[in-house]
Amino acid sequence: MDDSVAQPKAEARRWSFRIPAYILVPFYVMLIGVALRYAVYVRNTDHWSFVEYLRALCVYDCNAYERLALNGYEDRPDGFDKGDANNWAFFPFYSILAWAVSKLTGLSVLIAGSVLTSLLAVWAAILSWPLFEGKFRAYFLFCFFLFLGPFSYYFTTLYTEALFILLTIAGFVLLKQRDYVTAGLTGALMSATRSTGLLFMAAIVIAALQHHLKDGGTVRGFFATLWKRTDLLLALALVPVGISIFAVYLWFHSGDALAFQHIQRAWGRAFNNPFWNLWLTIELQFKNGNFKTISSDLAFGLAAIFGILMSVVMAWRGKWDWAIFSLFAVLLPLSTNAYSMLRFVVGVAPILIISAFIFSRWKWLFWLTLPVLLILDVFLLPTWMSRSYYLM
């Protein structure tokens, strides 16, 4: 080969390198979202301090995660609104990460946690690309929702949504690649972030079953030989490790391994039929003749219904691992009460992804959805900063 010809070709290949759009888009949209919400804050308060802006965003559980990162778990129930609750209900993995970033950078937990959350959300978006099957419009809408949607504050301050979505997406990408053991490790981190991380065990089994059927096997054959699948058994055993370590810690710390569940009675959470709780929530809206406004109860109920419907759509599309995980990720918190269902639904990655597919299917709907999300982001931000129960 003529070296004089080969050299320019090598140079051309080197200089033609481009960063893929699916990597750049989340960074750009995240930065635009931060700038926009900061501008809204300045416009509404006439305060220019960016730290004060971050503090204004940090309401409700954000404060609990910040205190957890700073001081660890409390000794006895004595905090929050009624003085009968404490931070045993909050799982440790996110606060550990926020504490570590704060120590490494020298930044306050508030700033370090806000930066961490934003970068985790960006990472989650990038990792999700294989799940969109090349549908860039749906992918863009997913990124837009995270950083410029009405619940974008969950992905820019000290909340676990960004971390849980990142781990969930990583888990489902690994399941798609049939890497069950690594998916199980991811599930262990999920169960150290939220109790609903345990549901990933069902997703692993269903994904493996779907792969078995795709390869020409049968349902009976799958379960008959399941005991021989050491990779699957190990993956399933790994998922509860996170919550188990937390339970052991709480047993030594408080004398109750299930303190993370029992302490939630302070917030009125006790197990019941989730569909009965949903009915009671919807009934509260209308039993007093309120047909003109949407109460927080109705908003929570509608969020739960939307999550259930999206789970049905996933099943209809043949994504049964997504569907079962998402359905029970909605029904589990709903089985206690409907409070915070907006947050619980927003924190389920498959629900967001399948919604992005639906709302980007037609160009007109896609272009209509973008400004709607943006307007809601701008107008609901002051409501969030005013500590409205409506959005919690």
Protein backbone atom coordinates (compact mmCIF):
# COMPACT_ATOMS: atom_id res chain seq x y z
CA MET A 1 0.00 0.00 0.00
CA ASP A 2 1.22 3.52 -0.79
CA ASP A 3 1.99 5.23 2.56
CA SER A 4 1.34 8.63 1.02
CA VAL A 5 -2.27 7.58 0.46
CA ALA A 6 -2.75 5.70 3.75
CA GLN A 7 -1.60 8.60 5.93
CA PRO A 8 -4.24 11.16 4.78
CA LYS A 9 -6.96 8.51 5.21
CA ALA A 10 -5.83 7.87 8.80
CA GLU A 11 -5.82 11.61 9.46
CA ALA A 12 -9.32 11.92 8.01
CA ARG A 13 -10.60 9.19 10.29
CA ARG A 14 -9.00 10.82 13.31
CA TRP A 15 -10.48 14.26 12.69
CA SER A 16 -13.91 12.96 11.71
CA PHE A 17 -14.64 11.81 15.29
CA ARG A 18 -17.86 13.27 16.66
CA ILE A 19 -19.57 12.91 20.02
CA PRO A 20 -22.91 11.14 19.41
CA ALA A 21 -26.00 13.30 19.70
CA TYR A 22 -27.54 11.00 22.32
CA ILE A 23 -24.63 11.90 24.64
CA LEU A 24 -24.69 15.64 24.00
CA VAL A 25 -28.45 16.16 24.21
CA PRO A 26 -28.84 15.36 27.95
CA PHE A 27 -25.97 17.70 28.88
CA TYR A 28 -27.35 20.57 26.81
CA VAL A 29 -30.93 20.12 28.01
CA MET A 30 -29.78 19.80 31.64
CA LEU A 31 -27.82 23.08 31.45
CA ILE A 32 -30.72 24.87 29.75
CA GLY A 33 -33.06 23.57 32.44
CA VAL A 34 -30.85 24.79 35.29
CA ALA A 35 -30.50 28.22 33.67
CA LEU A 36 -34.24 28.49 33.06
CA ARG A 37 -35.28 27.55 36.58
CA TYR A 38 -32.67 29.86 38.07
CA ALA A 39 -34.06 32.69 35.94
CA VAL A 40 -37.59 31.89 37.16
CA TYR A 41 -36.31 31.96 40.74
CA VAL A 42 -34.61 35.34 40.24
CA ARG A 43 -37.71 36.73 38.54
CA ASN A 44 -39.95 35.66 41.43
CA THR A 45 -37.67 36.53 44.35
CA ASP A 46 -35.27 39.17 43.04
CA HIS A 47 -32.46 37.21 44.74
CA TRP A 48 -29.35 36.37 42.71
CA SER A 49 -27.56 33.93 45.01
CA PHE A 50 -27.35 30.53 43.30
CA VAL A 51 -26.92 28.83 46.67
CA GLU A 52 -30.13 30.45 47.87
CA TYR A 53 -31.80 29.14 44.72
CA LEU A 54 -30.62 25.59 45.54
CA ARG A 55 -31.88 26.04 49.09
CA ALA A 56 -35.26 27.18 47.81
CA LEU A 57 -35.51 24.02 45.70
CA CYS A 58 -34.63 21.82 48.68
CA VAL A 59 -38.02 21.18 50.30
CA TYR A 60 -39.60 18.20 52.04
CA ASP A 61 -37.53 15.01 51.74
CA CYS A 62 -34.59 16.92 50.27
CA ASN A 63 -33.94 18.31 53.75
CA ALA A 64 -34.15 14.81 55.21
CA TYR A 65 -31.57 13.44 52.77
CA GLU A 66 -29.31 16.41 53.47
CA ARG A 67 -29.48 15.84 57.23
CA LEU A 68 -28.93 12.13 56.71
CA ALA A 69 -25.76 12.84 54.72
CA LEU A 70 -24.56 15.26 57.39
CA ASN A 71 -25.51 13.48 60.61
CA GLY A 72 -26.45 9.89 59.82
CA TYR A 73 -29.50 8.12 61.24
CA GLU A 74 -31.23 9.53 64.29
CA ASP A 75 -31.49 7.60 67.55
CA ARG A 76 -35.22 7.88 68.20
CA PRO A 77 -38.41 9.26 66.65
CA ASP A 78 -38.59 12.97 67.48
CA GLY A 79 -38.58 14.94 64.24
CA PHE A 80 -40.67 16.06 61.27
CA ASP A 81 -44.10 17.64 61.60
CA LYS A 82 -45.57 15.67 64.52
CA GLY A 83 -42.39 14.74 66.35
CA ASP A 84 -43.15 11.02 65.98
CA ALA A 85 -41.00 10.28 62.91
CA ASN A 86 -37.36 10.28 61.94
CA ASN A 87 -35.09 9.46 59.03
CA TRP A 88 -35.14 5.66 59.43
CA ALA A 89 -37.59 5.64 56.50
CA PHE A 90 -34.95 6.98 54.11
CA PHE A 91 -32.69 4.44 52.44
CA PRO A 92 -28.95 5.15 52.65
CA PHE A 93 -27.31 4.79 49.24
CA TYR A 94 -28.09 8.25 47.85
CA SER A 95 -27.06 10.06 51.03
CA ILE A 96 -23.82 8.06 51.15
CA LEU A 97 -23.02 9.24 47.62
CA ALA A 98 -23.90 12.85 48.46
CA TRP A 99 -21.71 12.70 51.59
CA ALA A 100 -18.82 11.20 49.59
CA VAL A 101 -19.01 13.86 46.86
CA SER A 102 -19.16 16.58 49.51
CA LYS A 103 -16.06 15.22 51.23
CA LEU A 104 -14.13 14.78 47.99
CA THR A 105 -14.94 18.23 46.61
CA GLY A 106 -15.13 20.28 49.81
CA LEU A 107 -18.54 21.54 48.75
CA SER A 108 -21.53 21.66 51.06
CA VAL A 109 -23.87 18.67 50.94
CA LEU A 110 -26.54 20.88 49.36
CA ILE A 111 -24.33 21.92 46.44
CA ALA A 112 -22.57 18.57 46.09
CA GLY A 113 -25.89 16.70 46.18
CA SER A 114 -27.48 19.02 43.62
CA VAL A 115 -24.56 18.57 41.22
CA LEU A 116 -24.56 14.82 41.88
CA THR A 117 -28.28 14.51 41.16
CA SER A 118 -28.01 16.46 37.91
CA LEU A 119 -25.11 14.33 36.68
CA LEU A 120 -26.86 11.11 37.71
CA ALA A 121 -29.88 12.17 35.66
CA VAL A 122 -27.65 12.93 32.67
CA TRP A 123 -25.96 9.55 33.05
CA ALA A 124 -29.36 7.86 33.27
CA ALA A 125 -30.46 9.52 30.03
CA ILE A 126 -27.30 8.47 28.19
CA LEU A 127 -27.56 4.88 29.42
CA SER A 128 -31.19 4.71 28.34
CA TRP A 129 -30.36 5.11 24.63
CA PRO A 130 -30.31 1.33 23.87
CA LEU A 131 -33.84 1.05 25.29
CA PHE A 132 -35.20 3.51 22.71
CA GLU A 133 -34.34 1.24 19.77
CA GLY A 134 -32.99 4.11 17.68
CA LYS A 135 -36.11 6.31 18.13
CA PHE A 136 -34.36 9.64 18.66
CA ARG A 137 -37.54 11.67 18.92
CA ALA A 138 -38.73 9.56 21.85
CA TYR A 139 -35.29 9.78 23.42
CA PHE A 140 -35.24 13.56 23.11
CA LEU A 141 -38.67 13.80 24.72
CA PHE A 142 -37.47 11.62 27.61
CA CYS A 143 -34.48 13.94 28.16
CA PHE A 144 -36.72 16.99 27.84
CA PHE A 145 -39.07 15.66 30.51
CA LEU A 146 -36.22 15.00 32.93
CA PHE A 147 -34.67 18.46 32.71
CA LEU A 148 -37.39 20.78 31.36
CA GLY A 149 -40.56 19.04 32.50
CA PRO A 150 -42.92 19.82 35.38
CA PHE A 151 -41.04 17.53 37.81
CA SER A 152 -37.51 18.57 36.86
CA TYR A 153 -36.76 19.67 40.42
CA TYR A 154 -36.57 15.98 41.42
CA PHE A 155 -33.61 15.64 39.05
CA THR A 156 -31.70 18.72 40.23
CA THR A 157 -31.82 18.57 44.02
CA LEU A 158 -31.35 16.04 46.83
CA TYR A 159 -33.91 13.41 45.90
CA THR A 160 -33.38 9.75 45.02
CA GLU A 161 -35.34 9.80 41.75
CA ALA A 162 -32.31 10.39 39.50
CA LEU A 163 -30.25 7.66 41.16
CA PHE A 164 -33.10 5.14 41.15
CA ILE A 165 -33.91 5.84 37.50
CA LEU A 166 -30.22 5.48 36.61
CA LEU A 167 -29.98 2.11 38.36
CA THR A 168 -33.29 0.92 36.89
CA ILE A 169 -32.22 1.82 33.36
CA ALA A 170 -28.82 0.19 33.85
CA GLY A 171 -30.55 -2.93 35.12
CA PHE A 172 -32.88 -3.21 32.14
CA VAL A 173 -30.08 -2.53 29.66
CA LEU A 174 -28.09 -5.35 31.28
CA LEU A 175 -31.12 -7.64 31.12
CA LYS A 176 -31.48 -6.82 27.44
CA GLN A 177 -27.85 -7.93 27.03
CA ARG A 178 -28.58 -11.08 29.10
CA ASP A 179 -25.97 -10.09 31.68
CA TYR A 180 -28.03 -11.31 34.63
CA VAL A 181 -25.36 -11.29 37.34
CA THR A 182 -24.36 -7.67 36.72
CA ALA A 183 -28.06 -6.80 36.57
CA GLY A 184 -28.40 -8.44 39.99
CA LEU A 185 -25.58 -6.26 41.33
CA THR A 186 -27.41 -3.23 40.00
CA GLY A 187 -30.55 -4.51 41.72
CA ALA A 188 -28.65 -4.66 45.02
CA LEU A 189 -27.91 -0.94 44.68
CA MET A 190 -31.56 -0.33 43.76
CA SER A 191 -32.73 -2.02 46.96
CA ALA A 192 -30.28 0.14 48.92
CA THR A 193 -31.89 3.22 47.34
CA ARG A 194 -35.59 2.38 47.62
CA SER A 195 -37.63 -0.54 48.91
CA THR A 196 -39.19 -0.93 45.46
CA GLY A 197 -35.76 -2.00 44.24
CA LEU A 198 -36.70 -5.49 45.45
CA LEU A 199 -39.18 -5.67 42.59
CA PHE A 200 -36.27 -5.99 40.19
CA MET A 201 -36.10 -9.67 41.17
CA ALA A 202 -39.35 -10.23 39.27
CA ALA A 203 -37.99 -8.30 36.29
CA ILE A 204 -34.93 -10.58 36.15
CA VAL A 205 -37.04 -13.75 36.14
CA ILE A 206 -39.46 -12.43 33.52
CA ALA A 207 -36.66 -11.13 31.27
CA ALA A 208 -34.90 -14.49 31.45
CA LEU A 209 -38.18 -16.27 30.65
CA GLN A 210 -38.77 -14.02 27.65
CA HIS A 211 -35.25 -14.73 26.37
CA HIS A 212 -35.84 -18.46 26.88
CA LEU A 213 -39.08 -18.33 24.87
CA LYS A 214 -37.39 -16.26 22.16
CA ASP A 215 -34.75 -18.97 21.84
CA GLY A 216 -37.46 -21.59 21.22
CA GLY A 217 -37.96 -22.87 24.76
CA THR A 218 -41.16 -23.35 26.73
CA VAL A 219 -42.48 -21.93 29.97
CA ARG A 220 -42.48 -25.37 31.56
CA GLY A 221 -38.95 -26.05 30.39
CA PHE A 222 -37.75 -22.74 31.80
CA PHE A 223 -39.03 -23.37 35.31
CA ALA A 224 -38.02 -27.04 35.22
CA THR A 225 -34.39 -26.07 34.61
CA LEU A 226 -34.34 -22.86 36.62
CA TRP A 227 -32.49 -24.52 39.49
CA LYS A 228 -29.60 -25.22 37.09
CA ARG A 229 -29.27 -21.56 36.09
CA THR A 230 -26.63 -20.49 38.58
CA ASP A 231 -26.31 -17.09 36.90
CA LEU A 232 -30.00 -16.37 37.44
CA LEU A 233 -30.03 -17.71 40.98
CA LEU A 234 -27.01 -15.57 41.85
CA ALA A 235 -28.62 -12.51 40.26
CA LEU A 236 -31.81 -13.05 42.28
CA ALA A 237 -29.81 -13.52 45.48
CA LEU A 238 -27.90 -10.29 44.90
CA VAL A 239 -30.93 -7.98 44.59
CA PRO A 240 -31.97 -8.09 48.30
CA VAL A 241 -28.39 -7.51 49.51
CA GLY A 242 -28.81 -3.73 49.66
CA ILE A 243 -31.98 -3.70 51.72
CA SER A 244 -30.67 -6.57 53.88
CA ILE A 245 -27.55 -4.63 54.86
CA PHE A 246 -29.76 -1.65 55.71
CA ALA A 247 -32.05 -3.88 57.80
CA VAL A 248 -29.09 -5.34 59.71
CA TYR A 249 -27.81 -1.83 60.42
CA LEU A 250 -31.24 -0.73 61.69
CA TRP A 251 -31.46 -3.80 63.91
CA PHE A 252 -28.24 -2.81 65.64
CA HIS A 253 -29.13 0.89 65.60
CA SER A 254 -32.78 0.78 66.69
CA GLY A 255 -33.53 -2.82 67.63
CA ASP A 256 -35.94 -3.17 64.70
CA ALA A 257 -34.69 -4.51 61.37
CA LEU A 258 -37.87 -3.28 59.67
CA ALA A 259 -37.77 0.17 61.22
CA PHE A 260 -37.71 1.70 57.73
CA GLN A 261 -41.24 0.35 57.25
CA HIS A 262 -42.65 0.64 60.77
CA ILE A 263 -41.63 4.31 61.16
CA GLN A 264 -43.83 5.20 58.20
CA ARG A 265 -46.87 4.87 60.44
CA ALA A 266 -45.99 8.42 61.48
CA TRP A 267 -47.03 9.49 57.98
CA GLY A 268 -50.22 7.44 58.13
CA ARG A 269 -48.86 4.66 55.93
CA ALA A 270 -50.30 1.21 56.66
CA PHE A 271 -50.86 -1.61 54.18
CA ASN A 272 -54.28 -1.91 52.59
CA ASN A 273 -55.81 -2.85 49.24
CA PRO A 274 -54.14 -0.46 46.76
CA PHE A 275 -57.24 -0.25 44.56
CA TRP A 276 -59.36 0.63 47.61
CA ASN A 277 -56.90 3.37 48.48
CA LEU A 278 -57.13 4.61 44.90
CA TRP A 279 -60.92 4.70 45.11
CA LEU A 280 -60.83 6.61 48.39
CA THR A 281 -58.44 9.13 46.87
CA ILE A 282 -60.67 9.78 43.87
CA GLU A 283 -63.75 9.89 46.12
CA LEU A 284 -62.22 12.65 48.26
CA GLN A 285 -62.21 14.93 45.23
CA PHE A 286 -65.91 14.64 44.49
CA LYS A 287 -67.75 13.71 47.69
CA ASN A 288 -67.89 17.37 48.75
CA GLY A 289 -69.06 18.48 45.33
CA ASN A 290 -65.68 19.70 44.10
CA PHE A 291 -66.01 19.50 40.32
CA LYS A 292 -64.17 22.70 39.38
CA THR A 293 -60.61 22.24 40.66
CA ILE A 294 -58.11 19.40 40.81
CA SER A 295 -57.23 18.67 44.42
CA SER A 296 -53.95 17.08 45.48
CA ASP A 297 -55.85 13.85 46.15
CA LEU A 298 -57.16 13.73 42.60
CA ALA A 299 -53.68 14.53 41.24
CA PHE A 300 -52.21 11.63 43.21
CA GLY A 301 -55.01 9.33 42.04
CA LEU A 302 -54.57 10.32 38.40
CA ALA A 303 -50.82 9.73 38.68
CA ALA A 304 -51.46 6.21 39.98
CA ILE A 305 -53.96 5.50 37.20
CA PHE A 306 -51.50 6.78 34.60
CA GLY A 307 -48.76 4.52 35.99
CA ILE A 308 -51.07 1.50 35.88
CA LEU A 309 -52.18 2.28 32.31
CA MET A 310 -48.58 2.66 31.14
CA SER A 311 -47.81 -0.73 32.67
CA VAL A 312 -50.64 -2.21 30.62
CA VAL A 313 -49.18 -0.60 27.48
CA MET A 314 -45.80 -2.16 28.26
CA ALA A 315 -47.41 -5.59 28.55
CA TRP A 316 -49.29 -5.03 25.29
CA ARG A 317 -45.97 -4.22 23.60
CA GLY A 318 -44.48 -7.45 24.95
CA LYS A 319 -42.22 -5.78 27.52
CA TRP A 320 -43.43 -7.90 30.41
CA ASP A 321 -40.33 -7.34 32.54
CA TRP A 322 -40.93 -3.59 32.35
CA ALA A 323 -44.66 -4.03 32.90
CA ILE A 324 -44.52 -6.14 36.07
CA PHE A 325 -41.78 -4.01 37.60
CA SER A 326 -43.66 -0.77 36.87
CA LEU A 327 -47.08 -2.05 37.92
CA PHE A 328 -45.92 -3.15 41.35
CA ALA A 329 -43.69 -0.07 41.71
CA VAL A 330 -46.98 1.84 41.59
CA LEU A 331 -49.13 -0.59 43.58
CA LEU A 332 -46.65 -1.04 46.45
CA PRO A 333 -46.67 2.60 47.63
CA LEU A 334 -50.35 2.87 46.71
CA SER A 335 -51.06 -0.02 49.09
CA THR A 336 -50.19 2.29 52.00
CA ASN A 337 -51.88 5.45 50.70
CA ALA A 338 -51.92 7.65 47.61
CA TYR A 339 -49.79 10.41 49.11
CA SER A 340 -46.80 11.34 46.92
CA MET A 341 -47.95 9.17 44.03
CA LEU A 342 -46.80 11.85 41.58
CA ARG A 343 -43.28 11.35 42.85
CA PHE A 344 -43.49 7.56 42.89
CA VAL A 345 -44.72 7.41 39.28
CA VAL A 346 -42.13 9.91 38.05
CA GLY A 347 -39.42 7.77 39.64
CA VAL A 348 -40.24 4.66 37.57
CA ALA A 349 -38.01 4.73 34.49
CA PRO A 350 -40.06 2.38 32.23
CA ILE A 351 -43.15 4.55 32.74
CA LEU A 352 -41.24 7.61 31.55
CA ILE A 353 -39.72 5.75 28.61
CA ILE A 354 -42.96 4.21 27.37
CA SER A 355 -44.67 7.60 27.76
CA ALA A 356 -41.94 9.15 25.61
CA PHE A 357 -42.64 6.53 22.94
CA ILE A 358 -46.35 7.32 22.99
CA PHE A 359 -46.12 11.13 23.00
CA SER A 360 -43.49 11.17 20.25
CA ARG A 361 -45.24 8.72 17.93
CA TRP A 362 -46.79 11.54 15.88
CA LYS A 363 -44.85 14.69 15.06
CA TRP A 364 -47.76 16.98 15.89
CA LEU A 365 -48.12 15.44 19.35
CA PHE A 366 -44.37 15.59 19.91
CA TRP A 367 -44.20 19.29 19.04
CA LEU A 368 -47.27 19.99 21.16
CA THR A 369 -45.89 18.13 24.18
CA LEU A 370 -42.61 20.07 24.31
CA PRO A 371 -44.07 23.54 25.01
CA VAL A 372 -46.65 22.06 27.40
CA LEU A 373 -43.88 20.48 29.48
CA LEU A 374 -41.86 23.69 29.36
CA ILE A 375 -44.77 25.88 30.46
CA LEU A 376 -45.59 23.52 33.31
CA ASP A 377 -41.95 23.56 34.40
CA VAL A 378 -41.93 27.36 34.59
CA PHE A 379 -45.30 27.79 36.28
CA LEU A 380 -45.06 24.92 38.76
CA LEU A 381 -41.58 25.76 40.03
CA PRO A 382 -42.78 28.55 42.38
CA THR A 383 -45.50 26.19 43.60
CA TRP A 384 -42.86 23.62 44.46
CA MET A 385 -40.66 26.15 46.25
CA SER A 386 -43.66 27.25 48.30
CA ARG A 387 -43.81 23.68 49.67
CA SER A 388 -47.11 22.77 48.05
CA TYR A 389 -48.43 19.33 49.02
CA TYR A 390 -49.96 19.27 45.56
CA LEU A 391 -46.63 18.38 43.92
CA MET A 392 -45.07 16.21 46.64
